[in-house]
Amino acid sequence: MKRTISICLLAAGAALVAIGCSKGQPASVLAKAVTVCLECIGIG
């Protein structure tokens, strides 16, 4: 039972990652992360 739930959650997570990648989300997240990091060290 536990193994089935784990496999289902893993498959759902992989599907959501694939959907996000197909929509171009990694570039958006990276741009926001760079902005936050630059603000934290006082450059941005």
Protein backbone atom coordinates (compact mmCIF):
# COMPACT_ATOMS: atom_id res chain seq x y z
CA MET A 1 0.00 0.00 0.00
CA LYS A 2 2.74 2.48 0.99
CA ARG A 3 4.70 1.64 -2.15
CA THR A 4 1.68 2.30 -4.37
CA ILE A 5 1.11 5.70 -2.79
CA SER A 6 4.80 6.58 -3.19
CA ILE A 7 4.77 5.60 -6.85
CA CYS A 8 1.59 7.61 -7.49
CA LEU A 9 3.04 10.70 -5.81
CA LEU A 10 6.28 10.34 -7.75
CA ALA A 11 4.37 10.06 -11.04
CA ALA A 12 2.22 13.10 -10.18
CA GLY A 13 5.32 15.14 -9.30
CA ALA A 14 7.05 14.15 -12.52
CA ALA A 15 3.96 15.09 -14.53
CA LEU A 16 3.75 18.51 -12.87
CA VAL A 17 7.45 19.16 -13.50
CA ALA A 18 6.99 18.21 -17.16
CA ILE A 19 4.00 20.54 -17.51
CA GLY A 20 5.91 23.41 -15.92
CA CYS A 21 8.91 22.86 -18.18
CA SER A 22 6.71 22.81 -21.27
CA LYS A 23 5.30 26.22 -20.29
CA GLY A 24 8.73 27.80 -19.86
CA GLN A 25 8.57 28.14 -16.09
CA PRO A 26 12.24 27.33 -15.33
CA ALA A 27 13.40 30.55 -17.01
CA SER A 28 10.88 32.59 -15.05
CA VAL A 29 11.88 31.01 -11.74
CA LEU A 30 15.58 31.52 -12.48
CA ALA A 31 15.05 35.19 -13.30
CA LYS A 32 13.16 35.74 -10.04
CA ALA A 33 15.82 33.86 -8.05
CA VAL A 34 18.61 35.98 -9.54
CA THR A 35 16.71 39.15 -8.66
CA VAL A 36 16.18 38.03 -5.06
CA CYS A 37 19.84 37.01 -4.66
CA LEU A 38 21.10 40.30 -6.04
CA GLU A 39 18.80 42.22 -3.68
CA CYS A 40 20.01 40.17 -0.71
CA ILE A 41 23.65 41.04 -1.30
CA GLY A 42 22.83 44.66 -2.04
CA ILE A 43 23.60 44.88 -5.75
CA GLY A 44 20.09 44.79 -7.24
